[in-house]
Amino acid sequence: MSNIPFQTIDWTSLEKLEYKGETGIAFWQTIQLGGLRIRLVEYSKGYLADHWCEKGHIVHCLEGEFITELSTGEKTSLSGGETYVVSDELSSHRSFSENGVKLLIVDGDFLKKG
């Protein structure tokens, strides 16, 4: 990790990158600070991730609702104000949102399995 000085993030000034899911679209706005990545992510209605992710995240639901499905078949629903946390390589997971959702996602070196 690097030493991060005090700063603010004006999300309205950051480009939204589009990532197609198996269905729907995800829009990412990303700040990279050394080994720390902070993203504002929006899933469109009907979004289903096109891959299983094994990366660790702190995912906080800002608005809406989504389902995180684990490769084991377990499903967890999160809505506005709820958060999940997982370290790298401790689960294979993917997201689905029926009506769209807005998330704050933090990940990076501090979540490496170890």
PDB file of N, CA and C in Angstrom:
ATOM      1  N   MET A   1       0.837  -1.180   0.000  1.00  0.00           N
ATOM      2  CA  MET A   1       0.000   0.000   0.000  1.00  0.00           C
ATOM      3  C   MET A   1       0.881   1.241   0.000  1.00  0.00           C
ATOM      4  N   SER A   2       0.369   2.258  -0.603  1.00  0.00           N
ATOM      5  CA  SER A   2       1.091   3.522  -0.598  1.00  0.00           C
ATOM      6  C   SER A   2       0.458   4.435   0.449  1.00  0.00           C
ATOM      7  N   ASN A   3       1.177   5.458   0.822  1.00  0.00           N
ATOM      8  CA  ASN A   3       0.609   6.470   1.703  1.00  0.00           C
ATOM      9  C   ASN A   3      -0.308   7.334   0.863  1.00  0.00           C
ATOM     10  N   ILE A   4      -1.562   7.407   1.263  1.00  0.00           N
ATOM     11  CA  ILE A   4      -2.555   8.141   0.481  1.00  0.00           C
ATOM     12  C   ILE A   4      -2.887   9.432   1.210  1.00  0.00           C
ATOM     13  N   PRO A   5      -2.540  10.570   0.617  1.00  0.00           N
ATOM     14  CA  PRO A   5      -2.861  11.842   1.266  1.00  0.00           C
ATOM     15  C   PRO A   5      -4.372  12.093   1.208  1.00  0.00           C
ATOM     16  N   PHE A   6      -4.852  12.977   2.080  1.00  0.00           N
ATOM     17  CA  PHE A   6      -6.256  13.351   2.060  1.00  0.00           C
ATOM     18  C   PHE A   6      -6.625  13.851   0.677  1.00  0.00           C
ATOM     19  N   GLN A   7      -7.751  13.363   0.179  1.00  0.00           N
ATOM     20  CA  GLN A   7      -8.252  13.829  -1.118  1.00  0.00           C
ATOM     21  C   GLN A   7      -9.725  13.519  -1.214  1.00  0.00           C
ATOM     22  N   THR A   8     -10.381  14.219  -2.096  1.00  0.00           N
ATOM     23  CA  THR A   8     -11.791  13.945  -2.362  1.00  0.00           C
ATOM     24  C   THR A   8     -11.882  13.345  -3.757  1.00  0.00           C
ATOM     25  N   ILE A   9     -12.975  12.649  -4.006  1.00  0.00           N
ATOM     26  CA  ILE A   9     -13.208  12.051  -5.323  1.00  0.00           C
ATOM     27  C   ILE A   9     -14.487  12.643  -5.881  1.00  0.00           C
ATOM     28  N   ASP A  10     -14.366  13.321  -7.004  1.00  0.00           N
ATOM     29  CA  ASP A  10     -15.533  13.859  -7.699  1.00  0.00           C
ATOM     30  C   ASP A  10     -15.949  12.837  -8.751  1.00  0.00           C
ATOM     31  N   TRP A  11     -16.860  11.940  -8.367  1.00  0.00           N
ATOM     32  CA  TRP A  11     -17.273  10.856  -9.265  1.00  0.00           C
ATOM     33  C   TRP A  11     -17.884  11.390 -10.557  1.00  0.00           C
ATOM     34  N   THR A  12     -18.480  12.579 -10.514  1.00  0.00           N
ATOM     35  CA  THR A  12     -19.107  13.124 -11.726  1.00  0.00           C
ATOM     36  C   THR A  12     -18.076  13.480 -12.795  1.00  0.00           C
ATOM     37  N   SER A  13     -16.815  13.636 -12.385  1.00  0.00           N
ATOM     38  CA  SER A  13     -15.769  14.009 -13.351  1.00  0.00           C
ATOM     39  C   SER A  13     -15.069  12.784 -13.954  1.00  0.00           C
ATOM     40  N   LEU A  14     -15.392  11.586 -13.464  1.00  0.00           N
ATOM     41  CA  LEU A  14     -14.711  10.382 -13.941  1.00  0.00           C
ATOM     42  C   LEU A  14     -15.489   9.701 -15.051  1.00  0.00           C
ATOM     43  N   GLU A  15     -14.750   9.251 -16.050  1.00  0.00           N
ATOM     44  CA  GLU A  15     -15.342   8.539 -17.178  1.00  0.00           C
ATOM     45  C   GLU A  15     -16.005   7.246 -16.704  1.00  0.00           C
ATOM     46  N   LYS A  16     -17.177   6.938 -17.294  1.00  0.00           N
ATOM     47  CA  LYS A  16     -17.854   5.669 -17.041  1.00  0.00           C
ATOM     48  C   LYS A  16     -17.479   4.702 -18.148  1.00  0.00           C
ATOM     49  N   LEU A  17     -16.838   3.602 -17.774  1.00  0.00           N
ATOM     50  CA  LEU A  17     -16.489   2.567 -18.741  1.00  0.00           C
ATOM     51  C   LEU A  17     -17.568   1.501 -18.718  1.00  0.00           C
ATOM     52  N   GLU A  18     -17.895   0.996 -19.887  1.00  0.00           N
ATOM     53  CA  GLU A  18     -18.978   0.035 -20.048  1.00  0.00           C
ATOM     54  C   GLU A  18     -18.422  -1.375 -20.205  1.00  0.00           C
ATOM     55  N   TYR A  19     -18.985  -2.311 -19.430  1.00  0.00           N
ATOM     56  CA  TYR A  19     -18.611  -3.721 -19.515  1.00  0.00           C
ATOM     57  C   TYR A  19     -19.877  -4.544 -19.702  1.00  0.00           C
ATOM     58  N   LYS A  20     -19.939  -5.262 -20.801  1.00  0.00           N
ATOM     59  CA  LYS A  20     -21.112  -6.078 -21.068  1.00  0.00           C
ATOM     60  C   LYS A  20     -21.091  -7.320 -20.184  1.00  0.00           C
ATOM     61  N   GLY A  21     -22.246  -7.644 -19.628  1.00  0.00           N
ATOM     62  CA  GLY A  21     -22.402  -8.863 -18.866  1.00  0.00           C
ATOM     63  C   GLY A  21     -22.916  -9.959 -19.770  1.00  0.00           C
ATOM     64  N   GLU A  22     -23.189 -11.125 -19.196  1.00  0.00           N
ATOM     65  CA  GLU A  22     -23.869 -12.174 -19.959  1.00  0.00           C
ATOM     66  C   GLU A  22     -25.195 -11.608 -20.449  1.00  0.00           C
ATOM     67  N   THR A  23     -25.857 -10.840 -19.569  1.00  0.00           N
ATOM     68  CA  THR A  23     -26.999 -10.000 -19.942  1.00  0.00           C
ATOM     69  C   THR A  23     -26.787  -8.657 -19.256  1.00  0.00           C
ATOM     70  N   GLY A  24     -27.253  -7.603 -19.848  1.00  0.00           N
ATOM     71  CA  GLY A  24     -27.133  -6.275 -19.264  1.00  0.00           C
ATOM     72  C   GLY A  24     -25.728  -5.706 -19.347  1.00  0.00           C
ATOM     73  N   ILE A  25     -25.561  -4.559 -18.694  1.00  0.00           N
ATOM     74  CA  ILE A  25     -24.299  -3.806 -18.772  1.00  0.00           C
ATOM     75  C   ILE A  25     -23.910  -3.318 -17.378  1.00  0.00           C
ATOM     76  N   ALA A  26     -22.604  -3.311 -17.116  1.00  0.00           N
ATOM     77  CA  ALA A  26     -22.046  -2.704 -15.906  1.00  0.00           C
ATOM     78  C   ALA A  26     -21.292  -1.447 -16.324  1.00  0.00           C
ATOM     79  N   PHE A  27     -21.430  -0.397 -15.539  1.00  0.00           N
ATOM     80  CA  PHE A  27     -20.700   0.846 -15.767  1.00  0.00           C
ATOM     81  C   PHE A  27     -19.778   1.062 -14.581  1.00  0.00           C
ATOM     82  N   TRP A  28     -18.478   1.242 -14.868  1.00  0.00           N
ATOM     83  CA  TRP A  28     -17.468   1.410 -13.819  1.00  0.00           C
ATOM     84  C   TRP A  28     -16.855   2.796 -13.894  1.00  0.00           C
ATOM     85  N   GLN A  29     -16.689   3.417 -12.734  1.00  0.00           N
ATOM     86  CA  GLN A  29     -15.847   4.594 -12.571  1.00  0.00           C
ATOM     87  C   GLN A  29     -14.797   4.175 -11.548  1.00  0.00           C
ATOM     88  N   THR A  30     -13.533   4.344 -11.893  1.00  0.00           N
ATOM     89  CA  THR A  30     -12.467   3.740 -11.095  1.00  0.00           C
ATOM     90  C   THR A  30     -11.392   4.741 -10.701  1.00  0.00           C
ATOM     91  N   ILE A  31     -10.967   4.619  -9.448  1.00  0.00           N
ATOM     92  CA  ILE A  31      -9.790   5.334  -8.935  1.00  0.00           C
ATOM     93  C   ILE A  31      -8.792   4.260  -8.498  1.00  0.00           C
ATOM     94  N   GLN A  32      -7.545   4.365  -8.966  1.00  0.00           N
ATOM     95  CA  GLN A  32      -6.491   3.431  -8.570  1.00  0.00           C
ATOM     96  C   GLN A  32      -5.464   4.210  -7.761  1.00  0.00           C
ATOM     97  N   LEU A  33      -5.237   3.771  -6.525  1.00  0.00           N
ATOM     98  CA  LEU A  33      -4.273   4.415  -5.636  1.00  0.00           C
ATOM     99  C   LEU A  33      -3.279   3.356  -5.176  1.00  0.00           C
ATOM    100  N   GLY A  34      -2.216   3.178  -5.932  1.00  0.00           N
ATOM    101  CA  GLY A  34      -1.262   2.115  -5.615  1.00  0.00           C
ATOM    102  C   GLY A  34      -1.967   0.773  -5.680  1.00  0.00           C
ATOM    103  N   GLY A  35      -1.895  -0.003  -4.595  1.00  0.00           N
ATOM    104  CA  GLY A  35      -2.528  -1.313  -4.558  1.00  0.00           C
ATOM    105  C   GLY A  35      -3.971  -1.281  -4.088  1.00  0.00           C
ATOM    106  N   LEU A  36      -4.609  -0.123  -4.157  1.00  0.00           N
ATOM    107  CA  LEU A  36      -5.987   0.045  -3.724  1.00  0.00           C
ATOM    108  C   LEU A  36      -6.833   0.528  -4.898  1.00  0.00           C
ATOM    109  N   ARG A  37      -7.941  -0.165  -5.158  1.00  0.00           N
ATOM    110  CA  ARG A  37      -8.851   0.248  -6.232  1.00  0.00           C
ATOM    111  C   ARG A  37     -10.209   0.556  -5.609  1.00  0.00           C
ATOM    112  N   ILE A  38     -10.761   1.712  -5.962  1.00  0.00           N
ATOM    113  CA  ILE A  38     -12.076   2.122  -5.502  1.00  0.00           C
ATOM    114  C   ILE A  38     -12.933   2.357  -6.738  1.00  0.00           C
ATOM    115  N   ARG A  39     -14.113   1.710  -6.760  1.00  0.00           N
ATOM    116  CA  ARG A  39     -14.979   1.840  -7.936  1.00  0.00           C
ATOM    117  C   ARG A  39     -16.405   2.188  -7.527  1.00  0.00           C
ATOM    118  N   LEU A  40     -17.020   3.018  -8.337  1.00  0.00           N
ATOM    119  CA  LEU A  40     -18.449   3.232  -8.292  1.00  0.00           C
ATOM    120  C   LEU A  40     -18.980   2.430  -9.472  1.00  0.00           C
ATOM    121  N   VAL A  41     -19.832   1.440  -9.200  1.00  0.00           N
ATOM    122  CA  VAL A  41     -20.285   0.510 -10.233  1.00  0.00           C
ATOM    123  C   VAL A  41     -21.808   0.511 -10.283  1.00  0.00           C
ATOM    124  N   GLU A  42     -22.341   0.593 -11.480  1.00  0.00           N
ATOM    125  CA  GLU A  42     -23.787   0.498 -11.670  1.00  0.00           C
ATOM    126  C   GLU A  42     -24.073  -0.675 -12.594  1.00  0.00           C
ATOM    127  N   TYR A  43     -25.036  -1.510 -12.198  1.00  0.00           N
ATOM    128  CA  TYR A  43     -25.515  -2.596 -13.045  1.00  0.00           C
ATOM    129  C   TYR A  43     -26.864  -2.191 -13.609  1.00  0.00           C
ATOM    130  N   SER A  44     -27.043  -2.416 -14.904  1.00  0.00           N
ATOM    131  CA  SER A  44     -28.325  -2.128 -15.537  1.00  0.00           C
ATOM    132  C   SER A  44     -29.367  -3.150 -15.101  1.00  0.00           C
ATOM    133  N   LYS A  45     -30.607  -2.897 -15.438  1.00  0.00           N
ATOM    134  CA  LYS A  45     -31.662  -3.881 -15.214  1.00  0.00           C
ATOM    135  C   LYS A  45     -31.286  -5.163 -15.940  1.00  0.00           C
ATOM    136  N   GLY A  46     -31.493  -6.293 -15.287  1.00  0.00           N
ATOM    137  CA  GLY A  46     -31.232  -7.581 -15.907  1.00  0.00           C
ATOM    138  C   GLY A  46     -29.766  -7.946 -16.041  1.00  0.00           C
ATOM    139  N   TYR A  47     -28.871  -7.243 -15.332  1.00  0.00           N
ATOM    140  CA  TYR A  47     -27.436  -7.531 -15.435  1.00  0.00           C
ATOM    141  C   TYR A  47     -27.103  -8.873 -14.791  1.00  0.00           C
ATOM    142  N   LEU A  48     -26.339  -9.692 -15.505  1.00  0.00           N
ATOM    143  CA  LEU A  48     -25.739 -10.919 -14.975  1.00  0.00           C
ATOM    144  C   LEU A  48     -24.287 -10.928 -15.413  1.00  0.00           C
ATOM    145  N   ALA A  49     -23.373 -11.045 -14.463  1.00  0.00           N
ATOM    146  CA  ALA A  49     -21.935 -11.056 -14.777  1.00  0.00           C
ATOM    147  C   ALA A  49     -21.623 -12.177 -15.764  1.00  0.00           C
ATOM    148  N   ASP A  50     -20.668 -11.921 -16.628  1.00  0.00           N
ATOM    149  CA  ASP A  50     -20.292 -12.894 -17.665  1.00  0.00           C
ATOM    150  C   ASP A  50     -19.169 -13.819 -17.210  1.00  0.00           C
ATOM    151  N   HIS A  51     -18.819 -13.767 -15.916  1.00  0.00           N
ATOM    152  CA  HIS A  51     -17.727 -14.602 -15.400  1.00  0.00           C
ATOM    153  C   HIS A  51     -17.913 -14.828 -13.903  1.00  0.00           C
ATOM    154  N   TRP A  52     -17.238 -15.843 -13.406  1.00  0.00           N
ATOM    155  CA  TRP A  52     -17.150 -16.095 -11.963  1.00  0.00           C
ATOM    156  C   TRP A  52     -15.889 -15.407 -11.476  1.00  0.00           C
ATOM    157  N   CYS A  53     -16.001 -14.624 -10.440  1.00  0.00           N
ATOM    158  CA  CYS A  53     -14.879 -13.843  -9.924  1.00  0.00           C
ATOM    159  C   CYS A  53     -14.336 -14.499  -8.657  1.00  0.00           C
ATOM    160  N   GLU A  54     -13.005 -14.560  -8.541  1.00  0.00           N
ATOM    161  CA  GLU A  54     -12.374 -15.096  -7.337  1.00  0.00           C
ATOM    162  C   GLU A  54     -11.609 -14.012  -6.577  1.00  0.00           C
ATOM    163  N   LYS A  55     -11.753 -12.776  -7.034  1.00  0.00           N
ATOM    164  CA  LYS A  55     -11.056 -11.659  -6.401  1.00  0.00           C
ATOM    165  C   LYS A  55     -11.792 -11.236  -5.134  1.00  0.00           C
ATOM    166  N   GLY A  56     -11.049 -10.740  -4.155  1.00  0.00           N
ATOM    167  CA  GLY A  56     -11.640 -10.222  -2.933  1.00  0.00           C
ATOM    168  C   GLY A  56     -12.190  -8.824  -3.137  1.00  0.00           C
ATOM    169  N   HIS A  57     -13.254  -8.500  -2.399  1.00  0.00           N
ATOM    170  CA  HIS A  57     -13.883  -7.181  -2.492  1.00  0.00           C
ATOM    171  C   HIS A  57     -14.516  -6.808  -1.160  1.00  0.00           C
ATOM    172  N   ILE A  58     -14.684  -5.521  -0.982  1.00  0.00           N
ATOM    173  CA  ILE A  58     -15.650  -4.976  -0.045  1.00  0.00           C
ATOM    174  C   ILE A  58     -16.691  -4.323  -0.946  1.00  0.00           C
ATOM    175  N   VAL A  59     -17.910  -4.829  -0.917  1.00  0.00           N
ATOM    176  CA  VAL A  59     -18.970  -4.342  -1.801  1.00  0.00           C
ATOM    177  C   VAL A  59     -20.074  -3.746  -0.936  1.00  0.00           C
ATOM    178  N   HIS A  60     -20.316  -2.449  -1.108  1.00  0.00           N
ATOM    179  CA  HIS A  60     -21.370  -1.757  -0.367  1.00  0.00           C
ATOM    180  C   HIS A  60     -22.450  -1.323  -1.344  1.00  0.00           C
ATOM    181  N   CYS A  61     -23.664  -1.743  -1.074  1.00  0.00           N
ATOM    182  CA  CYS A  61     -24.800  -1.400  -1.932  1.00  0.00           C
ATOM    183  C   CYS A  61     -25.308  -0.010  -1.546  1.00  0.00           C
ATOM    184  N   LEU A  62     -25.233   0.912  -2.487  1.00  0.00           N
ATOM    185  CA  LEU A  62     -25.682   2.282  -2.251  1.00  0.00           C
ATOM    186  C   LEU A  62     -27.173   2.441  -2.533  1.00  0.00           C
ATOM    187  N   GLU A  63     -27.614   1.876  -3.668  1.00  0.00           N
ATOM    188  CA  GLU A  63     -29.012   1.996  -4.087  1.00  0.00           C
ATOM    189  C   GLU A  63     -29.409   0.733  -4.823  1.00  0.00           C
ATOM    190  N   GLY A  64     -30.657   0.313  -4.665  1.00  0.00           N
ATOM    191  CA  GLY A  64     -31.167  -0.835  -5.390  1.00  0.00           C
ATOM    192  C   GLY A  64     -30.897  -2.130  -4.657  1.00  0.00           C
ATOM    193  N   GLU A  65     -30.884  -3.215  -5.427  1.00  0.00           N
ATOM    194  CA  GLU A  65     -30.711  -4.543  -4.860  1.00  0.00           C
ATOM    195  C   GLU A  65     -30.022  -5.434  -5.884  1.00  0.00           C
ATOM    196  N   PHE A  66     -29.219  -6.375  -5.389  1.00  0.00           N
ATOM    197  CA  PHE A  66     -28.600  -7.351  -6.275  1.00  0.00           C
ATOM    198  C   PHE A  66     -28.400  -8.656  -5.531  1.00  0.00           C
ATOM    199  N   ILE A  67     -28.129  -9.687  -6.288  1.00  0.00           N
ATOM    200  CA  ILE A  67     -27.893 -11.015  -5.726  1.00  0.00           C
ATOM    201  C   ILE A  67     -26.475 -11.422  -6.069  1.00  0.00           C
ATOM    202  N   THR A  68     -25.750 -11.894  -5.067  1.00  0.00           N
ATOM    203  CA  THR A  68     -24.447 -12.496  -5.296  1.00  0.00           C
ATOM    204  C   THR A  68     -24.628 -14.002  -5.206  1.00  0.00           C
ATOM    205  N   GLU A  69     -24.250 -14.681  -6.281  1.00  0.00           N
ATOM    206  CA  GLU A  69     -24.344 -16.132  -6.338  1.00  0.00           C
ATOM    207  C   GLU A  69     -22.950 -16.706  -6.186  1.00  0.00           C
ATOM    208  N   LEU A  70     -22.804 -17.686  -5.289  1.00  0.00           N
ATOM    209  CA  LEU A  70     -21.536 -18.383  -5.134  1.00  0.00           C
ATOM    210  C   LEU A  70     -21.551 -19.630  -6.005  1.00  0.00           C
ATOM    211  N   SER A  71     -20.376 -20.111  -6.393  1.00  0.00           N
ATOM    212  CA  SER A  71     -20.294 -21.305  -7.244  1.00  0.00           C
ATOM    213  C   SER A  71     -20.871 -22.533  -6.541  1.00  0.00           C
ATOM    214  N   THR A  72     -21.027 -22.459  -5.225  1.00  0.00           N
ATOM    215  CA  THR A  72     -21.631 -23.551  -4.453  1.00  0.00           C
ATOM    216  C   THR A  72     -23.141 -23.600  -4.624  1.00  0.00           C
ATOM    217  N   GLY A  73     -23.711 -22.548  -5.247  1.00  0.00           N
ATOM    218  CA  GLY A  73     -25.156 -22.459  -5.431  1.00  0.00           C
ATOM    219  C   GLY A  73     -25.826 -21.535  -4.427  1.00  0.00           C
ATOM    220  N   GLU A  74     -25.114 -21.170  -3.370  1.00  0.00           N
ATOM    221  CA  GLU A  74     -25.670 -20.254  -2.367  1.00  0.00           C
ATOM    222  C   GLU A  74     -25.880 -18.877  -2.984  1.00  0.00           C
ATOM    223  N   LYS A  75     -27.004 -18.225  -2.635  1.00  0.00           N
ATOM    224  CA  LYS A  75     -27.304 -16.884  -3.131  1.00  0.00           C
ATOM    225  C   LYS A  75     -27.572 -15.968  -1.955  1.00  0.00           C
ATOM    226  N   THR A  76     -27.019 -14.753  -2.027  1.00  0.00           N
ATOM    227  CA  THR A  76     -27.204 -13.747  -0.994  1.00  0.00           C
ATOM    228  C   THR A  76     -27.694 -12.467  -1.652  1.00  0.00           C
ATOM    229  N   SER A  77     -28.768 -11.919  -1.117  1.00  0.00           N
ATOM    230  CA  SER A  77     -29.327 -10.674  -1.631  1.00  0.00           C
ATOM    231  C   SER A  77     -28.863  -9.513  -0.766  1.00  0.00           C
ATOM    232  N   LEU A  78     -28.397  -8.444  -1.402  1.00  0.00           N
ATOM    233  CA  LEU A  78     -28.022  -7.224  -0.693  1.00  0.00           C
ATOM    234  C   LEU A  78     -28.814  -6.063  -1.264  1.00  0.00           C
ATOM    235  N   SER A  79     -29.231  -5.166  -0.373  1.00  0.00           N
ATOM    236  CA  SER A  79     -29.922  -3.962  -0.817  1.00  0.00           C
ATOM    237  C   SER A  79     -29.269  -2.749  -0.171  1.00  0.00           C
ATOM    238  N   GLY A  80     -29.759  -1.565  -0.513  1.00  0.00           N
ATOM    239  CA  GLY A  80     -29.162  -0.318  -0.059  1.00  0.00           C
ATOM    240  C   GLY A  80     -28.795  -0.322   1.416  1.00  0.00           C
ATOM    241  N   GLY A  81     -27.536   0.010   1.718  1.00  0.00           N
ATOM    242  CA  GLY A  81     -27.046   0.073   3.083  1.00  0.00           C
ATOM    243  C   GLY A  81     -26.367  -1.193   3.566  1.00  0.00           C
ATOM    244  N   GLU A  82     -26.385  -2.272   2.766  1.00  0.00           N
ATOM    245  CA  GLU A  82     -25.757  -3.533   3.161  1.00  0.00           C
ATOM    246  C   GLU A  82     -24.438  -3.739   2.432  1.00  0.00           C
ATOM    247  N   THR A  83     -23.563  -4.549   3.042  1.00  0.00           N
ATOM    248  CA  THR A  83     -22.201  -4.738   2.553  1.00  0.00           C
ATOM    249  C   THR A  83     -21.805  -6.204   2.655  1.00  0.00           C
ATOM    250  N   TYR A  84     -20.983  -6.665   1.703  1.00  0.00           N
ATOM    251  CA  TYR A  84     -20.315  -7.959   1.908  1.00  0.00           C
ATOM    252  C   TYR A  84     -18.820  -7.789   1.739  1.00  0.00           C
ATOM    253  N   VAL A  85     -18.076  -8.700   2.374  1.00  0.00           N
ATOM    254  CA  VAL A  85     -16.614  -8.684   2.343  1.00  0.00           C
ATOM    255  C   VAL A  85     -16.127 -10.092   2.082  1.00  0.00           C
ATOM    256  N   VAL A  86     -15.116 -10.249   1.211  1.00  0.00           N
ATOM    257  CA  VAL A  86     -14.486 -11.542   0.974  1.00  0.00           C
ATOM    258  C   VAL A  86     -13.045 -11.302   0.517  1.00  0.00           C
ATOM    259  N   SER A  87     -12.133 -12.168   0.927  1.00  0.00           N
ATOM    260  CA  SER A  87     -10.736 -12.081   0.485  1.00  0.00           C
ATOM    261  C   SER A  87     -10.541 -12.813  -0.842  1.00  0.00           C
ATOM    262  N   ASP A  88      -9.428 -12.537  -1.503  1.00  0.00           N
ATOM    263  CA  ASP A  88      -9.084 -13.194  -2.760  1.00  0.00           C
ATOM    264  C   ASP A  88      -9.116 -14.711  -2.592  1.00  0.00           C
ATOM    265  N   GLU A  89      -9.578 -15.389  -3.613  1.00  0.00           N
ATOM    266  CA  GLU A  89      -9.526 -16.847  -3.754  1.00  0.00           C
ATOM    267  C   GLU A  89     -10.282 -17.624  -2.669  1.00  0.00           C
ATOM    268  N   LEU A  90     -11.226 -16.975  -1.964  1.00  0.00           N
ATOM    269  CA  LEU A  90     -11.999 -17.688  -0.951  1.00  0.00           C
ATOM    270  C   LEU A  90     -13.412 -18.026  -1.420  1.00  0.00           C
ATOM    271  N   SER A  91     -13.785 -17.537  -2.597  1.00  0.00           N
ATOM    272  CA  SER A  91     -15.071 -17.916  -3.176  1.00  0.00           C
ATOM    273  C   SER A  91     -15.050 -17.562  -4.658  1.00  0.00           C
ATOM    274  N   SER A  92     -15.844 -18.297  -5.405  1.00  0.00           N
ATOM    275  CA  SER A  92     -16.140 -17.897  -6.782  1.00  0.00           C
ATOM    276  C   SER A  92     -17.544 -17.321  -6.733  1.00  0.00           C
ATOM    277  N   HIS A  93     -17.685 -16.081  -7.171  1.00  0.00           N
ATOM    278  CA  HIS A  93     -18.968 -15.401  -7.060  1.00  0.00           C
ATOM    279  C   HIS A  93     -19.259 -14.602  -8.321  1.00  0.00           C
ATOM    280  N   ARG A  94     -20.553 -14.334  -8.529  1.00  0.00           N
ATOM    281  CA  ARG A  94     -20.963 -13.456  -9.624  1.00  0.00           C
ATOM    282  C   ARG A  94     -22.230 -12.734  -9.191  1.00  0.00           C
ATOM    283  N   SER A  95     -22.514 -11.630  -9.861  1.00  0.00           N
ATOM    284  CA  SER A  95     -23.625 -10.778  -9.464  1.00  0.00           C
ATOM    285  C   SER A  95     -24.735 -10.775 -10.496  1.00  0.00           C
ATOM    286  N   PHE A  96     -25.955 -10.589  -9.985  1.00  0.00           N
ATOM    287  CA  PHE A  96     -27.148 -10.428 -10.823  1.00  0.00           C
ATOM    288  C   PHE A  96     -28.004  -9.324 -10.212  1.00  0.00           C
ATOM    289  N   SER A  97     -28.543  -8.454 -11.071  1.00  0.00           N
ATOM    290  CA  SER A  97     -29.475  -7.442 -10.603  1.00  0.00           C
ATOM    291  C   SER A  97     -30.674  -7.382 -11.527  1.00  0.00           C
ATOM    292  N   GLU A  98     -31.827  -7.646 -10.962  1.00  0.00           N
ATOM    293  CA  GLU A  98     -33.056  -7.631 -11.760  1.00  0.00           C
ATOM    294  C   GLU A  98     -33.435  -6.218 -12.185  1.00  0.00           C
ATOM    295  N   ASN A  99     -33.334  -5.264 -11.258  1.00  0.00           N
ATOM    296  CA  ASN A  99     -33.813  -3.912 -11.533  1.00  0.00           C
ATOM    297  C   ASN A  99     -32.734  -2.848 -11.548  1.00  0.00           C
ATOM    298  N   GLY A 100     -31.470  -3.248 -11.484  1.00  0.00           N
ATOM    299  CA  GLY A 100     -30.364  -2.295 -11.463  1.00  0.00           C
ATOM    300  C   GLY A 100     -29.936  -1.976 -10.042  1.00  0.00           C
ATOM    301  N   VAL A 101     -28.676  -1.581  -9.899  1.00  0.00           N
ATOM    302  CA  VAL A 101     -28.107  -1.314  -8.582  1.00  0.00           C
ATOM    303  C   VAL A 101     -26.910  -0.389  -8.728  1.00  0.00           C
ATOM    304  N   LYS A 102     -26.594   0.329  -7.653  1.00  0.00           N
ATOM    305  CA  LYS A 102     -25.406   1.186  -7.601  1.00  0.00           C
ATOM    306  C   LYS A 102     -24.576   0.735  -6.406  1.00  0.00           C
ATOM    307  N   LEU A 103     -23.295   0.444  -6.645  1.00  0.00           N
ATOM    308  CA  LEU A 103     -22.405  -0.133  -5.644  1.00  0.00           C
ATOM    309  C   LEU A 103     -21.131   0.693  -5.490  1.00  0.00           C
ATOM    310  N   LEU A 104     -20.577   0.673  -4.286  1.00  0.00           N
ATOM    311  CA  LEU A 104     -19.223   1.157  -4.037  1.00  0.00           C
ATOM    312  C   LEU A 104     -18.398  -0.082  -3.742  1.00  0.00           C
ATOM    313  N   ILE A 105     -17.348  -0.312  -4.544  1.00  0.00           N
ATOM    314  CA  ILE A 105     -16.539  -1.522  -4.410  1.00  0.00           C
ATOM    315  C   ILE A 105     -15.089  -1.120  -4.156  1.00  0.00           C
ATOM    316  N   VAL A 106     -14.521  -1.691  -3.095  1.00  0.00           N
ATOM    317  CA  VAL A 106     -13.128  -1.448  -2.741  1.00  0.00           C
ATOM    318  C   VAL A 106     -12.403  -2.780  -2.758  1.00  0.00           C
ATOM    319  N   ASP A 107     -11.269  -2.826  -3.436  1.00  0.00           N
ATOM    320  CA  ASP A 107     -10.465  -4.037  -3.436  1.00  0.00           C
ATOM    321  C   ASP A 107      -9.005  -3.666  -3.601  1.00  0.00           C
ATOM    322  N   GLY A 108      -8.157  -4.657  -3.450  1.00  0.00           N
ATOM    323  CA  GLY A 108      -6.731  -4.380  -3.597  1.00  0.00           C
ATOM    324  C   GLY A 108      -5.876  -5.385  -2.856  1.00  0.00           C
ATOM    325  N   ASP A 109      -4.620  -5.033  -2.734  1.00  0.00           N
ATOM    326  CA  ASP A 109      -3.620  -5.918  -2.161  1.00  0.00           C
ATOM    327  C   ASP A 109      -3.950  -6.371  -0.745  1.00  0.00           C
ATOM    328  N   PHE A 110      -4.657  -5.550   0.021  1.00  0.00           N
ATOM    329  CA  PHE A 110      -4.958  -5.894   1.411  1.00  0.00           C
ATOM    330  C   PHE A 110      -5.922  -7.074   1.526  1.00  0.00           C
ATOM    331  N   LEU A 111      -6.547  -7.500   0.441  1.00  0.00           N
ATOM    332  CA  LEU A 111      -7.473  -8.620   0.457  1.00  0.00           C
ATOM    333  C   LEU A 111      -6.849  -9.911  -0.074  1.00  0.00           C
ATOM    334  N   LYS A 112      -5.544  -9.891  -0.345  1.00  0.00           N
ATOM    335  CA  LYS A 112      -4.876 -11.107  -0.830  1.00  0.00           C
ATOM    336  C   LYS A 112      -4.940 -12.187   0.228  1.00  0.00           C
ATOM    337  N   LYS A 113      -5.157 -13.401  -0.256  1.00  0.00           N
ATOM    338  CA  LYS A 113      -5.219 -14.555   0.639  1.00  0.00           C
ATOM    339  C   LYS A 113      -3.855 -14.739   1.296  1.00  0.00           C
ATOM    340  N   GLY A 114      -3.870 -14.994   2.591  1.00  0.00           N
ATOM    341  CA  GLY A 114      -2.576 -15.126   3.214  1.00  0.00           C
ATOM    342  C   GLY A 114      -2.581 -15.553   4.598  1.00  0.00           C
TER     343      GLY A 114
END
